[in-house]
């Protein structure tokens, strides 16, 4: 059986570890929010975000129409 001091010590260490993890998580969250605020304030898109162009919209619309046509054919039981 564990002594009272061992139980208290393990409880305090666990609580300390939980507090440290919560503090680091909170600091990371605040850093992420600051990054997002800076991105919104700059107004420029990130490098990995595609820029919208009229041709891209037409291509996307054509792709969606093709998908709808294929789904309608599947629903009607027609093999493509």
Protein backbone atom coordinates (compact mmCIF):
# COMPACT_ATOMS: atom_id res chain seq x y z
CA UNK A 1 0.00 0.00 0.00
CA UNK A 2 1.29 3.45 -0.88
CA UNK A 3 2.01 5.93 1.86
CA UNK A 4 0.13 9.18 2.09
CA UNK A 5 3.17 11.24 1.06
CA UNK A 6 3.69 9.11 -2.05
CA UNK A 7 0.06 9.56 -3.05
CA UNK A 8 0.25 13.31 -2.47
CA UNK A 9 3.54 13.61 -4.35
CA UNK A 10 2.27 11.66 -7.37
CA UNK A 11 -0.93 13.72 -7.35
CA UNK A 12 1.01 16.98 -7.25
CA UNK A 13 3.34 15.85 -10.04
CA UNK A 14 0.36 14.86 -12.14
CA UNK A 15 -1.32 18.19 -11.50
CA UNK A 16 1.90 20.03 -12.35
CA UNK A 17 2.26 18.06 -15.59
CA UNK A 18 -1.34 18.84 -16.51
CA UNK A 19 -0.84 22.54 -15.77
CA UNK A 20 2.32 22.65 -17.89
CA UNK A 21 0.62 20.88 -20.80
CA UNK A 22 -2.34 23.26 -20.59
CA UNK A 23 -0.01 26.28 -20.48
CA UNK A 24 1.97 25.16 -23.53
CA UNK A 25 -1.23 24.38 -25.40
CA UNK A 26 -2.65 27.80 -24.56
CA UNK A 27 0.56 29.52 -25.68
CA UNK A 28 0.46 27.61 -28.96
CA UNK A 29 -3.19 28.50 -29.45
CA UNK A 30 -2.46 32.19 -28.93
CA UNK A 31 0.42 31.97 -31.41
CA UNK A 32 -1.81 30.33 -34.00
CA UNK A 33 -4.48 33.01 -33.50
CA UNK A 34 -1.86 35.73 -33.91
CA UNK A 35 -0.69 34.11 -37.14
CA UNK A 36 -4.24 34.04 -38.48
CA UNK A 37 -4.75 37.68 -37.50
CA UNK A 38 -1.61 38.64 -39.40
CA UNK A 39 -2.73 36.65 -42.45
CA UNK A 40 -6.12 38.37 -42.42
CA UNK A 41 -4.55 41.79 -41.93
CA UNK A 42 -2.10 41.33 -44.80
CA UNK A 43 -4.91 40.54 -47.24
CA UNK A 44 -2.67 38.44 -49.45
CA UNK A 45 -3.40 34.76 -50.01
CA UNK A 46 -0.96 32.16 -48.76
CA UNK A 47 1.33 30.38 -51.19
CA UNK A 48 -0.56 27.07 -51.02
CA UNK A 49 -3.98 28.64 -51.67
CA UNK A 50 -5.05 28.72 -55.31
CA UNK A 51 -6.02 32.08 -56.68
CA UNK A 52 -9.43 32.36 -58.25
CA UNK A 53 -9.49 33.08 -61.96
CA UNK A 54 -12.38 33.21 -64.43
CA UNK A 55 -10.98 30.27 -66.41
CA UNK A 56 -10.62 28.23 -63.24
CA UNK A 57 -14.26 28.85 -62.39
CA UNK A 58 -15.39 27.71 -65.83
CA UNK A 59 -13.29 24.57 -65.58
CA UNK A 60 -14.70 23.82 -62.15
CA UNK A 61 -18.25 24.38 -63.41
CA UNK A 62 -17.65 22.05 -66.35
CA UNK A 63 -16.25 19.42 -63.99
CA UNK A 64 -19.31 19.70 -61.75
CA UNK A 65 -21.65 19.38 -64.74
CA UNK A 66 -19.78 16.25 -65.86
CA UNK A 67 -20.10 14.75 -62.39
CA UNK A 68 -23.84 15.49 -62.31
CA UNK A 69 -24.23 13.90 -65.75
CA UNK A 70 -22.44 10.76 -64.56
CA UNK A 71 -24.51 10.58 -61.36
CA UNK A 72 -27.73 10.95 -63.36
CA UNK A 73 -26.58 8.16 -65.66
CA UNK A 74 -25.83 5.93 -62.68
CA UNK A 75 -29.24 6.72 -61.16
CA UNK A 76 -30.92 5.86 -64.48
CA UNK A 77 -29.00 2.59 -64.66
CA UNK A 78 -26.99 3.45 -67.75
CA UNK A 79 -23.40 2.25 -68.01
CA UNK A 80 -20.97 4.86 -69.28
